[in-house]
Protein backbone atom coordinates (compact mmCIF):
# COMPACT_ATOMS: atom_id res chain seq x y z
CA UNK A 1 0.00 0.00 0.00
CA UNK A 2 1.16 3.50 -0.74
CA UNK A 3 2.62 5.60 2.01
CA UNK A 4 0.95 8.67 0.54
CA UNK A 5 -2.64 8.34 -0.65
CA UNK A 6 -3.47 11.92 -1.65
CA UNK A 7 -2.45 13.16 -5.08
CA UNK A 8 -1.84 16.87 -5.66
CA UNK A 9 -1.47 18.35 -9.10
CA UNK A 10 -0.20 21.87 -9.65
CA UNK A 11 0.36 24.06 -12.67
CA UNK A 12 3.58 26.01 -13.15
CA UNK A 13 4.93 28.17 -15.92
CA UNK A 14 8.18 27.44 -17.76
CA UNK A 15 10.28 29.64 -15.47
CA UNK A 16 8.87 27.96 -12.34
CA UNK A 17 9.39 24.53 -13.91
CA UNK A 18 13.07 25.24 -14.60
CA UNK A 19 13.51 26.69 -11.12
CA UNK A 20 11.90 23.66 -9.45
CA UNK A 21 13.96 21.19 -11.48
CA UNK A 22 17.19 23.09 -10.83
CA UNK A 23 16.65 23.46 -7.08
CA UNK A 24 15.58 19.82 -6.67
CA UNK A 25 18.61 18.64 -8.64
CA UNK A 26 20.98 20.81 -6.58
CA UNK A 27 19.50 19.39 -3.38
CA UNK A 28 19.85 15.84 -4.72
CA UNK A 29 16.11 15.22 -4.42
CA UNK A 30 13.24 14.42 -6.73
CA UNK A 31 10.84 17.29 -7.39
CA UNK A 32 8.21 15.61 -5.19
CA UNK A 33 10.65 15.09 -2.31
CA UNK A 34 11.86 18.66 -2.69
CA UNK A 35 8.29 20.01 -2.41
CA UNK A 36 7.55 17.75 0.60
CA UNK A 37 10.63 19.03 2.44
CA UNK A 38 9.66 22.65 1.73
CA UNK A 39 6.12 21.99 2.99
CA UNK A 40 7.56 20.55 6.21
CA UNK A 41 9.41 23.83 6.75
CA UNK A 42 12.96 22.77 5.88
CA UNK A 43 15.47 25.09 4.28
CA UNK A 44 17.15 22.78 1.81
CA UNK A 45 20.82 22.90 0.97
CA UNK A 46 22.65 22.04 -2.18
CA UNK A 47 24.11 18.57 -2.34
CA UNK A 48 27.86 18.79 -1.72
CA UNK A 49 30.32 17.92 -4.45
CA UNK A 50 32.36 14.72 -4.62
CA UNK A 51 35.23 16.24 -2.59
CA UNK A 52 33.00 16.33 0.47
CA UNK A 53 32.21 12.64 0.16
CA UNK A 54 35.90 11.81 -0.33
CA UNK A 55 36.77 13.66 2.89
CA UNK A 56 33.94 11.93 4.73
CA UNK A 57 35.12 8.50 3.51
CA UNK A 58 38.66 9.34 4.63
CA UNK A 59 37.49 10.43 8.07
CA UNK A 60 35.47 7.25 8.46
CA UNK A 61 38.50 5.23 7.39
CA UNK A 62 40.63 7.01 10.00
CA UNK A 63 38.04 6.28 12.67
CA UNK A 64 38.02 2.63 11.68
CA UNK A 65 41.83 2.47 11.80
CA UNK A 66 41.91 4.08 15.24
CA UNK A 67 39.37 1.55 16.44
CA UNK A 68 41.43 -1.37 15.13
CA UNK A 69 44.61 0.03 16.68
CA UNK A 70 42.83 0.48 19.98
CA UNK A 71 41.61 -3.10 20.00
CA UNK A 72 45.15 -4.35 19.53
CA UNK A 73 46.51 -1.88 22.07
CA UNK A 74 43.87 -2.89 24.59
CA UNK A 75 44.81 -6.54 24.25
CA UNK A 76 48.47 -5.68 24.94
CA UNK A 77 47.62 -3.13 27.67
CA UNK A 78 49.74 -0.36 26.13
CA UNK A 79 47.20 2.39 25.47
CA UNK A 80 45.72 5.24 27.42
CA UNK A 81 41.99 4.55 27.21
CA UNK A 82 41.06 8.07 28.27
CA UNK A 83 43.12 9.63 25.48
CA UNK A 84 41.81 7.11 22.98
CA UNK A 85 38.18 7.85 23.90
CA UNK A 86 38.75 11.59 23.69
CA UNK A 87 40.24 11.23 20.21
CA UNK A 88 37.42 9.03 19.00
CA UNK A 89 34.80 11.41 20.38
CA UNK A 90 36.49 14.38 18.71
CA UNK A 91 36.70 12.56 15.39
CA UNK A 92 33.04 11.59 15.57
CA UNK A 93 32.14 15.19 16.47
CA UNK A 94 33.94 16.42 13.34
CA UNK A 95 32.15 13.85 11.17
CA UNK A 96 28.78 14.84 12.65
CA UNK A 97 29.46 18.57 12.14
CA UNK A 98 30.41 17.98 8.52
CA UNK A 99 27.25 15.95 7.91
CA UNK A 100 25.07 18.59 9.58
CA UNK A 101 26.67 21.40 7.61
CA UNK A 102 26.36 19.70 4.24
CA UNK A 103 23.62 17.07 4.37
CA UNK A 104 20.95 17.62 7.01
CA UNK A 105 18.12 19.94 5.98
CA UNK A 106 17.62 22.92 8.31
CA UNK A 107 14.12 23.70 9.56
CA UNK A 108 13.06 27.27 8.82
CA UNK A 109 12.02 29.42 11.75
C-alpha atoms as a PDB file:
ATOM      1  CA  UNK A   1       0.000   0.000   0.000  1.00  0.00           C
ATOM      2  CA  UNK A   2       1.163   3.503  -0.737  1.00  0.00           C
ATOM      3  CA  UNK A   3       2.621   5.604   2.014  1.00  0.00           C
ATOM      4  CA  UNK A   4       0.946   8.672   0.545  1.00  0.00           C
ATOM      5  CA  UNK A   5      -2.641   8.337  -0.651  1.00  0.00           C
ATOM      6  CA  UNK A   6      -3.471  11.920  -1.653  1.00  0.00           C
ATOM      7  CA  UNK A   7      -2.446  13.157  -5.085  1.00  0.00           C
ATOM      8  CA  UNK A   8      -1.845  16.865  -5.659  1.00  0.00           C
ATOM      9  CA  UNK A   9      -1.473  18.347  -9.099  1.00  0.00           C
ATOM     10  CA  UNK A  10      -0.201  21.870  -9.654  1.00  0.00           C
ATOM     11  CA  UNK A  11       0.363  24.059 -12.671  1.00  0.00           C
ATOM     12  CA  UNK A  12       3.584  26.009 -13.153  1.00  0.00           C
ATOM     13  CA  UNK A  13       4.930  28.173 -15.921  1.00  0.00           C
ATOM     14  CA  UNK A  14       8.185  27.438 -17.762  1.00  0.00           C
ATOM     15  CA  UNK A  15      10.280  29.641 -15.472  1.00  0.00           C
ATOM     16  CA  UNK A  16       8.874  27.957 -12.344  1.00  0.00           C
ATOM     17  CA  UNK A  17       9.395  24.527 -13.908  1.00  0.00           C
ATOM     18  CA  UNK A  18      13.072  25.242 -14.601  1.00  0.00           C
ATOM     19  CA  UNK A  19      13.513  26.686 -11.120  1.00  0.00           C
ATOM     20  CA  UNK A  20      11.900  23.657  -9.446  1.00  0.00           C
ATOM     21  CA  UNK A  21      13.960  21.189 -11.483  1.00  0.00           C
ATOM     22  CA  UNK A  22      17.186  23.094 -10.829  1.00  0.00           C
ATOM     23  CA  UNK A  23      16.651  23.455  -7.083  1.00  0.00           C
ATOM     24  CA  UNK A  24      15.580  19.824  -6.666  1.00  0.00           C
ATOM     25  CA  UNK A  25      18.606  18.638  -8.644  1.00  0.00           C
ATOM     26  CA  UNK A  26      20.980  20.809  -6.581  1.00  0.00           C
ATOM     27  CA  UNK A  27      19.502  19.390  -3.376  1.00  0.00           C
ATOM     28  CA  UNK A  28      19.855  15.844  -4.723  1.00  0.00           C
ATOM     29  CA  UNK A  29      16.114  15.221  -4.420  1.00  0.00           C
ATOM     30  CA  UNK A  30      13.243  14.416  -6.727  1.00  0.00           C
ATOM     31  CA  UNK A  31      10.844  17.288  -7.387  1.00  0.00           C
ATOM     32  CA  UNK A  32       8.212  15.606  -5.189  1.00  0.00           C
ATOM     33  CA  UNK A  33      10.650  15.089  -2.307  1.00  0.00           C
ATOM     34  CA  UNK A  34      11.862  18.661  -2.687  1.00  0.00           C
ATOM     35  CA  UNK A  35       8.293  20.006  -2.405  1.00  0.00           C
ATOM     36  CA  UNK A  36       7.554  17.751   0.595  1.00  0.00           C
ATOM     37  CA  UNK A  37      10.630  19.027   2.443  1.00  0.00           C
ATOM     38  CA  UNK A  38       9.664  22.655   1.726  1.00  0.00           C
ATOM     39  CA  UNK A  39       6.120  21.993   2.988  1.00  0.00           C
ATOM     40  CA  UNK A  40       7.557  20.547   6.207  1.00  0.00           C
ATOM     41  CA  UNK A  41       9.414  23.825   6.753  1.00  0.00           C
ATOM     42  CA  UNK A  42      12.960  22.774   5.883  1.00  0.00           C
ATOM     43  CA  UNK A  43      15.467  25.092   4.277  1.00  0.00           C
ATOM     44  CA  UNK A  44      17.149  22.785   1.809  1.00  0.00           C
ATOM     45  CA  UNK A  45      20.817  22.897   0.974  1.00  0.00           C
ATOM     46  CA  UNK A  46      22.649  22.043  -2.176  1.00  0.00           C
ATOM     47  CA  UNK A  47      24.106  18.568  -2.342  1.00  0.00           C
ATOM     48  CA  UNK A  48      27.864  18.789  -1.717  1.00  0.00           C
ATOM     49  CA  UNK A  49      30.319  17.919  -4.452  1.00  0.00           C
ATOM     50  CA  UNK A  50      32.365  14.717  -4.625  1.00  0.00           C
ATOM     51  CA  UNK A  51      35.230  16.243  -2.591  1.00  0.00           C
ATOM     52  CA  UNK A  52      33.004  16.332   0.472  1.00  0.00           C
ATOM     53  CA  UNK A  53      32.205  12.637   0.164  1.00  0.00           C
ATOM     54  CA  UNK A  54      35.899  11.806  -0.331  1.00  0.00           C
ATOM     55  CA  UNK A  55      36.769  13.657   2.888  1.00  0.00           C
ATOM     56  CA  UNK A  56      33.942  11.927   4.725  1.00  0.00           C
ATOM     57  CA  UNK A  57      35.120   8.500   3.512  1.00  0.00           C
ATOM     58  CA  UNK A  58      38.658   9.341   4.626  1.00  0.00           C
ATOM     59  CA  UNK A  59      37.486  10.431   8.068  1.00  0.00           C
ATOM     60  CA  UNK A  60      35.467   7.247   8.457  1.00  0.00           C
ATOM     61  CA  UNK A  61      38.497   5.232   7.393  1.00  0.00           C
ATOM     62  CA  UNK A  62      40.630   7.006   9.995  1.00  0.00           C
ATOM     63  CA  UNK A  63      38.041   6.283  12.665  1.00  0.00           C
ATOM     64  CA  UNK A  64      38.021   2.632  11.677  1.00  0.00           C
ATOM     65  CA  UNK A  65      41.829   2.468  11.795  1.00  0.00           C
ATOM     66  CA  UNK A  66      41.909   4.081  15.236  1.00  0.00           C
ATOM     67  CA  UNK A  67      39.369   1.547  16.441  1.00  0.00           C
ATOM     68  CA  UNK A  68      41.431  -1.366  15.131  1.00  0.00           C
ATOM     69  CA  UNK A  69      44.610   0.032  16.676  1.00  0.00           C
ATOM     70  CA  UNK A  70      42.828   0.484  19.979  1.00  0.00           C
ATOM     71  CA  UNK A  71      41.611  -3.103  19.996  1.00  0.00           C
ATOM     72  CA  UNK A  72      45.154  -4.352  19.535  1.00  0.00           C
ATOM     73  CA  UNK A  73      46.506  -1.885  22.070  1.00  0.00           C
ATOM     74  CA  UNK A  74      43.867  -2.892  24.594  1.00  0.00           C
ATOM     75  CA  UNK A  75      44.814  -6.535  24.250  1.00  0.00           C
ATOM     76  CA  UNK A  76      48.471  -5.681  24.940  1.00  0.00           C
ATOM     77  CA  UNK A  77      47.623  -3.128  27.667  1.00  0.00           C
ATOM     78  CA  UNK A  78      49.742  -0.361  26.125  1.00  0.00           C
ATOM     79  CA  UNK A  79      47.198   2.387  25.473  1.00  0.00           C
ATOM     80  CA  UNK A  80      45.717   5.245  27.417  1.00  0.00           C
ATOM     81  CA  UNK A  81      41.989   4.555  27.212  1.00  0.00           C
ATOM     82  CA  UNK A  82      41.058   8.066  28.273  1.00  0.00           C
ATOM     83  CA  UNK A  83      43.115   9.634  25.481  1.00  0.00           C
ATOM     84  CA  UNK A  84      41.813   7.113  22.984  1.00  0.00           C
ATOM     85  CA  UNK A  85      38.180   7.846  23.896  1.00  0.00           C
ATOM     86  CA  UNK A  86      38.747  11.587  23.686  1.00  0.00           C
ATOM     87  CA  UNK A  87      40.245  11.229  20.213  1.00  0.00           C
ATOM     88  CA  UNK A  88      37.423   9.032  18.996  1.00  0.00           C
ATOM     89  CA  UNK A  89      34.797  11.413  20.381  1.00  0.00           C
ATOM     90  CA  UNK A  90      36.494  14.380  18.708  1.00  0.00           C
ATOM     91  CA  UNK A  91      36.698  12.565  15.391  1.00  0.00           C
ATOM     92  CA  UNK A  92      33.036  11.591  15.570  1.00  0.00           C
ATOM     93  CA  UNK A  93      32.138  15.186  16.468  1.00  0.00           C
ATOM     94  CA  UNK A  94      33.938  16.416  13.341  1.00  0.00           C
ATOM     95  CA  UNK A  95      32.150  13.852  11.173  1.00  0.00           C
ATOM     96  CA  UNK A  96      28.778  14.842  12.647  1.00  0.00           C
ATOM     97  CA  UNK A  97      29.455  18.565  12.136  1.00  0.00           C
ATOM     98  CA  UNK A  98      30.407  17.979   8.520  1.00  0.00           C
ATOM     99  CA  UNK A  99      27.248  15.952   7.906  1.00  0.00           C
ATOM    100  CA  UNK A 100      25.072  18.587   9.584  1.00  0.00           C
ATOM    101  CA  UNK A 101      26.666  21.396   7.609  1.00  0.00           C
ATOM    102  CA  UNK A 102      26.359  19.705   4.240  1.00  0.00           C
ATOM    103  CA  UNK A 103      23.620  17.070   4.366  1.00  0.00           C
ATOM    104  CA  UNK A 104      20.953  17.622   7.011  1.00  0.00           C
ATOM    105  CA  UNK A 105      18.118  19.945   5.984  1.00  0.00           C
ATOM    106  CA  UNK A 106      17.623  22.920   8.311  1.00  0.00           C
ATOM    107  CA  UNK A 107      14.118  23.699   9.559  1.00  0.00           C
ATOM    108  CA  UNK A 108      13.062  27.271   8.820  1.00  0.00           C
ATOM    109  CA  UNK A 109      12.015  29.421  11.750  1.00  0.00           C
END
